[in-house]
């Protein structure tokens, strides 16, 4: 076998598993470890690899960190009556903010990896199997023994609106800065890191510190008003914060009513270190930062079947836009609103017929419709 064919064979092994060890490469190819090191050095010189963890220049993933849960949705069959039993139907699906974002991105044909924690139960095994089948790299998952995987239970009325949600997500406290250090190779190869606020405050602090040192761009996605307490005070290094109006009010400590209120609040977040801020406002659309201040987009019309996952779809589309090299927040938000509307019209947490073309074909920002149907999808854990 010629040197060229050996090098190409090694390259294909690395494409299949960017974290394969040199010893494993040597064993598979029948080479010495020093010979493998020589081939790798040649591939790096040729720019076919980018060095550490054998990063392939055309395959740097979006790395999502945070929750991967079993979602239970209880939907009332008739008008809900408090204080008594109500007839309902139950659906189970896979959820969690980080996992939902990752699946949306995978369905949009973006390379994506998920760093999460699961318990030693059947739900955890099923979560990983589903994610891997969707094209998500889950090899960096933290496996915990003696605990249950995360769960999220939502109660919906007969119109599909969420009335109450309960989340059991204590296991994500195990995603500590020390654990992050063990996953440094996986994080270092990312083109973009997206983390949800289910992570502990000190872990988010570590991610912000990494981003401030000029490594991989970081997007943080809020998950609920109570978990805004996880967001560090100093946001230096943060490329983008995505949150809803209630979460922003919690952060600022004041109600937001006028455009001037939103401008002052977004400016305050930027003063804390965030480069950009996107504020989702349900039926009112979104407010986002621009070079000149803030701008607003209305939500498109939406047929509401189920609100679960619509906010995560919005965040995924924004991240997809950043991943593809666009810093245009108007375009990113328009893509987010489009994907959110599609998800509202689905019973599934992640719309099953997503394609990259759905976002790539969005027309001029001036063509965005202004009318919309009310929904509260962007507040969920």
Foldseek 3Di string as FASTA:
>chain_A
DDPVVLLVVLLVVCVVPLQDDLVVSCVVSVHDSVVSVVSLVVCCVVVCAVDFSRFGPVAAAAEEEWAKAWEKEWEFQAADDPPDDTDTDIDIDIDTLSLLLQLLLLQQVTAYEYEYEAEPDPRRVVSVVVSVVSRYHDPNYHYHYPDHGKYKYFYAYNLQATDDMDIDLVVLQVCAPVSVVVCVSSVQSHQEYEYELSHALRNLVSVQVVLLVPGHAYEYEYAAQVSLVSHDQANASHAEYEEEQSNLCSVVVHHADDPVSVQVSQVSVVVSHYPKYWYQYFQQAIWIADPVTIDGAGAAAARADHLAQLQSQLVSQLVVCVSVPDPPVLLSSVSSSQLSRQCRNDPDNHRPNDYSCSSVVDDDSVPGDHGYDGGDSNHHD
